[in-house]
Protein backbone atom coordinates (compact mmCIF):
# COMPACT_ATOMS: atom_id res chain seq x y z
CA MET A 1 -79.27 43.72 -8.24
CA VAL A 2 -78.40 40.72 -10.31
CA ALA A 3 -78.35 37.23 -8.85
CA LEU A 4 -78.25 34.18 -11.07
CA LEU A 5 -79.78 30.76 -10.64
CA LEU A 6 -78.75 27.28 -11.70
CA ALA A 7 -81.22 25.12 -13.57
CA ASN A 8 -82.87 22.55 -11.34
CA THR A 9 -83.16 19.11 -12.88
CA ALA A 10 -84.74 15.88 -11.73
CA CYS A 11 -81.61 13.86 -12.36
CA GLY A 12 -77.93 14.45 -12.87
CA PRO A 13 -76.31 15.39 -16.19
CA VAL A 14 -75.00 12.90 -18.70
CA ASP A 15 -71.41 11.91 -17.96
CA GLY A 16 -68.97 14.30 -19.56
CA ALA A 17 -71.66 16.89 -20.27
CA LEU A 18 -72.12 20.29 -18.69
CA GLU A 19 -75.25 22.23 -17.97
CA LEU A 20 -75.83 25.94 -18.30
CA GLN A 21 -77.28 27.91 -15.45
CA GLU A 22 -80.71 29.40 -15.70
CA PRO A 23 -80.24 32.60 -17.74
CA ALA A 24 -79.55 35.64 -15.62
CA THR A 25 -82.64 37.24 -14.17
CA GLN A 26 -83.43 40.23 -12.04
CA ALA A 27 -83.79 39.47 -8.35
CA GLN A 28 -87.57 39.37 -8.30
CA GLU A 29 -87.46 36.46 -10.74
CA LEU A 30 -84.97 34.40 -8.77
CA GLU A 31 -87.27 31.49 -8.12
CA SER A 32 -88.04 31.04 -11.81
CA THR A 33 -86.28 28.02 -13.25
CA ASN A 34 -87.14 26.11 -16.37
CA GLY A 35 -85.43 22.87 -15.41
CA GLU A 36 -83.89 22.55 -18.86
CA THR A 37 -80.47 21.13 -19.49
CA LEU A 38 -78.15 21.48 -22.44
CA ASN A 39 -76.44 18.17 -21.62
CA GLY A 40 -74.13 17.26 -24.52
CA LEU A 41 -75.01 20.45 -26.34
CA ALA A 42 -73.53 22.57 -23.60
CA PHE A 43 -69.95 22.73 -24.80
CA ASN A 44 -69.59 19.69 -27.00
CA GLY A 45 -72.09 20.28 -29.80
CA LEU A 46 -73.68 23.06 -31.79
CA ALA A 47 -73.76 25.58 -29.00
CA PHE A 48 -70.15 26.21 -28.19
CA ASN A 49 -67.83 24.92 -30.84
CA GLY A 50 -66.05 27.60 -32.81
CA LEU A 51 -67.80 26.74 -36.08
CA ALA A 52 -71.24 27.28 -34.57
CA PHE A 53 -70.35 30.65 -33.12
CA ASN A 54 -68.59 31.82 -36.26
CA GLY A 55 -71.68 30.86 -38.23
CA LEU A 56 -73.87 32.79 -35.83
CA ALA A 57 -71.93 35.90 -36.75
CA PHE A 58 -74.20 38.20 -34.72
CA ASN A 59 -75.39 40.10 -37.79
CA GLY A 60 -78.96 40.36 -36.55
CA LEU A 61 -81.78 37.86 -36.24
CA ASN A 62 -83.16 38.70 -39.66
CA SER A 63 -79.92 38.13 -41.55
CA PRO A 64 -79.38 35.15 -43.87
CA ALA A 65 -76.30 34.22 -41.82
CA PHE A 66 -78.34 33.90 -38.64
CA SER A 67 -81.09 31.94 -40.37
CA SER A 68 -78.55 29.55 -41.87
CA TRP A 69 -77.01 28.96 -38.45
CA PHE A 70 -80.31 28.60 -36.64
CA GLU A 71 -81.97 26.23 -39.10
CA GLN A 72 -79.18 23.64 -38.84
CA ALA A 73 -80.75 22.49 -35.55
CA PRO A 74 -83.62 24.77 -34.48
CA SER A 75 -84.41 23.21 -31.10
CA GLN A 76 -80.78 23.34 -30.00
CA ALA A 77 -80.17 26.78 -31.47
CA ALA A 78 -83.29 28.14 -29.73
CA MET A 79 -81.96 27.00 -26.37
CA VAL A 80 -78.58 28.57 -27.07
CA MET A 81 -80.21 31.84 -28.06
CA LYS A 82 -82.11 31.96 -24.79
CA TYR A 83 -78.84 32.09 -22.89
CA ILE A 84 -77.12 34.42 -25.32
CA THR A 85 -80.04 36.85 -25.25
CA ALA A 86 -80.16 36.78 -21.44
CA CYS A 87 -76.48 37.77 -21.36
CA ALA A 88 -76.57 40.29 -24.19
CA VAL A 89 -79.92 42.10 -24.05
CA PRO A 90 -81.23 44.38 -21.26
CA ALA A 91 -83.98 43.24 -18.90
CA GLY A 92 -87.45 44.14 -20.11
CA GLU A 93 -86.57 43.57 -23.77
CA THR A 94 -87.13 40.51 -25.91
CA ARG A 95 -85.80 39.25 -29.24
CA THR A 96 -88.04 37.39 -31.67
CA TYR A 97 -87.25 35.10 -34.59
CA GLN A 98 -89.63 33.48 -37.06
CA GLY A 99 -88.34 30.02 -37.94
CA ASP A 100 -88.60 28.34 -41.31
CA ASN A 101 -90.98 25.80 -39.77
CA GLY A 102 -93.42 28.57 -38.88
CA SER A 103 -92.56 28.62 -35.20
CA THR A 104 -92.04 31.94 -33.44
CA TYR A 105 -89.21 32.08 -30.91
CA ILE A 106 -89.10 34.76 -28.21
CA TRP A 107 -86.10 35.20 -25.91
CA LYS A 108 -85.88 37.50 -22.87
CA GLY A 109 -83.03 39.85 -22.06
CA ALA A 110 -81.55 40.26 -18.58
CA LEU A 111 -77.99 41.56 -18.16
CA GLY A 112 -77.61 43.83 -21.20
CA LEU A 113 -73.87 43.25 -21.48
CA THR A 114 -73.57 43.97 -25.22
CA PRO A 115 -75.42 47.05 -26.53
CA ASN A 116 -74.15 46.75 -30.12
CA TRP A 117 -75.51 43.26 -30.60
CA ALA A 118 -78.66 44.17 -28.68
CA SER A 119 -79.31 46.95 -31.22
CA GLY A 120 -78.85 44.61 -34.21
CA MET A 121 -75.21 45.36 -35.03
CA PRO A 122 -72.45 42.74 -35.24
CA ALA A 123 -70.84 42.05 -31.87
CA THR A 124 -67.49 43.72 -31.32
CA VAL A 125 -64.56 41.63 -30.08
CA LEU A 126 -65.21 43.00 -26.60
CA GLU A 127 -68.83 41.91 -26.81
CA GLN A 128 -67.84 38.46 -28.06
CA GLN A 129 -65.59 38.13 -25.02
CA LEU A 130 -68.31 39.24 -22.59
CA ILE A 131 -70.87 36.84 -24.04
CA SER A 132 -68.32 34.01 -23.87
CA ALA A 133 -67.52 34.85 -20.24
CA CYS A 134 -71.21 35.07 -19.36
CA LEU A 135 -71.99 31.68 -20.87
CA ALA A 136 -69.04 30.07 -19.11
CA ALA A 137 -70.08 31.62 -15.78
CA HIS A 138 -73.44 29.88 -16.15
CA VAL A 139 -72.00 26.40 -16.53
CA ASN A 140 -73.08 23.85 -13.96
CA LYS A 141 -71.56 20.39 -13.99
CA TYR A 142 -74.15 18.92 -11.64
CA GLY A 143 -77.42 20.53 -12.72
CA ARG A 144 -78.24 21.64 -9.17
CA LYS A 145 -80.00 24.81 -8.12
CA VAL A 146 -77.74 27.41 -6.52
CA ALA A 147 -77.69 31.20 -6.56
CA ILE A 148 -74.66 33.20 -7.65
CA SER A 149 -73.90 36.90 -8.02
CA LEU A 150 -72.20 38.22 -11.15
CA GLN A 151 -69.92 41.28 -11.26
CA GLY A 152 -68.07 43.02 -14.04
CA LYS A 153 -68.38 45.73 -16.66
CA LYS A 154 -70.69 45.84 -19.65
CA ALA A 155 -69.27 46.62 -23.09
CA ASP A 156 -70.17 50.30 -22.62
CA GLY A 157 -67.97 50.46 -19.53
CA GLN A 158 -70.81 50.59 -17.02
CA PRO A 159 -70.58 48.10 -14.15
CA ILE A 160 -73.28 45.52 -13.59
CA PRO A 161 -75.32 47.09 -10.76
CA THR A 162 -74.46 45.35 -7.47
CA PRO A 163 -75.58 46.94 -4.18
CA PRO A 164 -73.47 46.43 -1.05
CA THR A 165 -76.15 44.20 0.47
CA GLU A 166 -75.70 41.74 -2.39
CA LEU A 167 -71.95 41.62 -1.89
CA GLN A 168 -72.55 40.89 1.80
CA GLU A 169 -75.12 38.18 1.10
CA PHE A 170 -72.90 36.53 -1.51
CA GLY A 171 -69.88 36.75 0.73
CA GLN A 172 -67.86 33.91 -0.82
CA ARG A 173 -65.65 35.03 -3.69
CA GLU A 174 -65.79 32.30 -6.32
CA GLY A 175 -64.19 32.66 -9.74
CA CYS A 176 -63.37 34.60 -12.89
CA PHE A 177 -64.44 33.67 -16.43
CA PHE A 178 -63.04 34.89 -19.74
CA GLY A 179 -62.17 33.89 -23.32
CA ASN A 180 -63.65 34.04 -26.80
CA LEU A 181 -65.75 31.19 -28.17
CA PHE A 182 -66.26 33.01 -31.48
CA THR A 183 -62.59 32.96 -32.45
CA GLN A 184 -61.87 29.45 -31.15
CA GLU A 185 -59.37 30.89 -28.67
CA GLY A 186 -61.06 28.98 -25.88
CA VAL A 187 -62.82 29.86 -22.65
CA PHE A 188 -61.17 29.89 -19.23
CA SER A 189 -61.93 30.00 -15.53
CA GLY A 190 -59.93 30.72 -12.42
CA HIS A 191 -60.58 30.49 -8.71
CA ASP A 192 -60.91 33.66 -6.68
CA ALA A 193 -59.51 33.59 -3.15
CA ARG A 194 -58.55 29.88 -3.01
CA PRO A 195 -59.55 26.54 -4.60
CA LEU A 196 -61.55 23.91 -2.75
CA ALA A 197 -59.69 22.09 0.01
CA TRP A 198 -59.43 18.29 0.21
CA ASN A 199 -62.48 18.12 2.52
CA GLU A 200 -64.63 20.61 0.56
CA SER A 201 -66.92 20.32 -2.46
CA SER A 202 -69.34 22.51 -4.40
CA VAL A 203 -71.70 22.55 -7.35
CA ARG A 204 -69.41 25.17 -8.83
CA VAL A 205 -66.44 22.91 -9.39
CA CYS A 206 -65.62 24.47 -12.78
CA ALA A 207 -64.56 27.64 -10.97
CA LEU A 208 -63.58 26.52 -7.49
CA GLY A 209 -62.20 23.10 -8.27
CA GLN A 210 -58.88 21.87 -9.49
CA SER A 211 -60.38 19.29 -11.79
CA LYS A 212 -58.44 16.47 -13.33
CA GLY A 213 -59.23 15.31 -16.83
CA LYS A 214 -61.94 16.91 -18.94
CA VAL A 215 -64.89 17.25 -16.56
CA CYS A 216 -65.28 20.95 -17.40
CA GLU A 217 -64.17 20.84 -21.05
CA PRO A 218 -63.85 23.11 -22.95
CA ILE A 219 -63.47 25.42 -19.96
CA THR A 220 -59.77 25.40 -19.15
CA GLN A 221 -58.93 26.08 -15.53
CA VAL A 222 -55.96 28.41 -15.25
CA GLY A 223 -55.45 28.59 -11.48
CA SER A 224 -55.70 31.76 -9.47
CA CYS A 225 -57.66 34.74 -10.80
CA ALA A 226 -55.27 37.06 -8.99
CA ALA A 227 -52.33 35.62 -10.92
CA ASN A 228 -54.00 36.11 -14.31
CA CYS A 229 -56.36 39.05 -13.94
CA THR A 230 -56.53 42.77 -13.15
CA PRO A 231 -58.95 43.85 -10.39
CA ASP A 232 -61.10 46.97 -10.48
CA PRO A 233 -60.03 49.82 -8.12
CA THR A 234 -62.31 48.52 -5.35
CA ASN A 235 -61.06 44.92 -5.70
CA THR A 236 -64.67 43.76 -6.08
CA TYR A 237 -64.26 42.07 -9.48
CA TYR A 238 -61.72 41.53 -12.24
CA THR A 239 -61.88 43.74 -15.32
CA HIS A 240 -59.51 41.78 -17.58
CA CYS A 241 -57.64 38.48 -17.57
CA THR A 242 -54.69 37.42 -19.74
CA HIS A 243 -53.96 33.92 -21.03
CA ASN A 244 -51.63 32.78 -23.82
CA GLY A 245 -50.65 36.39 -24.40
CA ILE A 246 -54.24 37.54 -25.09
CA THR A 247 -56.14 39.88 -22.77
CA TYR A 248 -59.88 39.32 -22.39
CA ALA A 249 -62.73 41.13 -20.68
CA ALA A 250 -63.71 39.12 -17.61
CA LEU A 251 -66.71 38.48 -15.40
CA THR A 252 -66.48 37.54 -11.73
CA THR A 253 -68.79 35.42 -9.60
CA ARG A 254 -69.64 35.14 -5.90
CA LEU A 255 -71.50 32.50 -3.87
CA HIS A 256 -73.37 32.14 -0.63
CA PRO A 257 -70.76 30.79 1.83
CA GLN A 258 -73.03 27.85 2.66
CA ASP A 259 -72.79 26.62 -0.93
CA ILE A 260 -69.30 25.35 -0.24
CA TYR A 261 -69.78 22.01 1.53
CA ARG A 262 -67.35 20.53 4.05
CA CYS A 263 -66.99 16.97 5.20
CA GLY A 264 -67.84 17.15 8.88
CA ASP A 265 -70.55 19.82 8.71
CA GLY A 266 -73.22 17.25 9.62
CA THR A 267 -74.97 17.06 6.23
CA CYS A 268 -74.35 14.36 3.63
CA GLN A 269 -74.28 16.42 0.45
CA PHE A 270 -74.77 14.95 -3.02
CA THR A 271 -71.10 15.76 -3.70
CA GLU A 272 -70.05 13.54 -0.77
CA SER A 273 -69.97 9.76 -0.34
CA CYS A 274 -70.00 7.29 2.52
CA GLY A 275 -66.75 5.70 3.58
CA LEU A 276 -64.14 5.44 6.29
CA GLY A 277 -62.41 8.77 5.84
CA ILE A 278 -62.89 12.53 6.17
CA THR A 279 -62.59 13.50 2.52
CA THR A 280 -65.48 14.33 0.21
CA ARG A 281 -65.22 10.94 -1.51
CA SER A 282 -65.14 9.09 1.79
CA CYS A 283 -66.95 11.17 4.38
CA ALA A 284 -67.94 8.97 7.30
CA LEU A 285 -68.65 12.05 9.44
CA ASP A 286 -71.56 13.14 7.24
CA CYS A 287 -72.57 10.09 5.20
CA GLY A 288 -71.67 7.23 7.50
CA LEU A 289 -70.01 3.96 6.66
CA CYS A 290 -70.71 2.25 3.38
CA LEU A 291 -72.93 -0.79 3.95
CA PHE A 292 -72.25 -2.45 0.60
């Protein structure tokens, strides 16, 4: 069983910045959260621009190419590698790097999506796509703690283990994620089932929302997963999605139904505001009237 957890922070993210979810963990580690945030690094700096990923090259942690990439900004690169390793390397394994400053960095595996890279070989195009999808699936605009379930196939064709009880618990279909950050082709998300209604909100707006502007940049929202992607035979997850004439390996996410908030459910959520109306931005039913 794999269920993923958003990082829990004491305050909201910097405007225009995105946060990555806590790296994927096995179920028994669900309550572990480091509270870290990538803020501006998330998709606007070293971590996710095409130059950074091309420089990473995935030629092994002991290669000159990796060292050159890492030593540009060790603290930022170390955080990026934590998420990449969690996506790429199997649970129970770690990857270690000795920095030029004498520091030893150790990163834990979790999902094991990319066996070639995990064994020290360069990532194939398929593995680049899976790592890109995994990172995008972990993005959290609000930095709030929420569990998700991740489905899809690893690079070796084996599905991510997901028992029926997990699919029942995470009964809300959420989104699909795909793209390739290494080739600067971009990274994309779509909504599974339907997007949020006018009176609904969620932490996971980069999948469920129909955002205006650049709140989820560089994730580009492409609309319905069903219109862009191919489901597996059981219709549990999407195996591939196509955008701009390019077909990518995809990963699919699910939520607890209660993690979609509705104006009128009796709770004033952080995504809702006081007002005179019944929309999320003016939800008198849950948040009352504005007093100032």
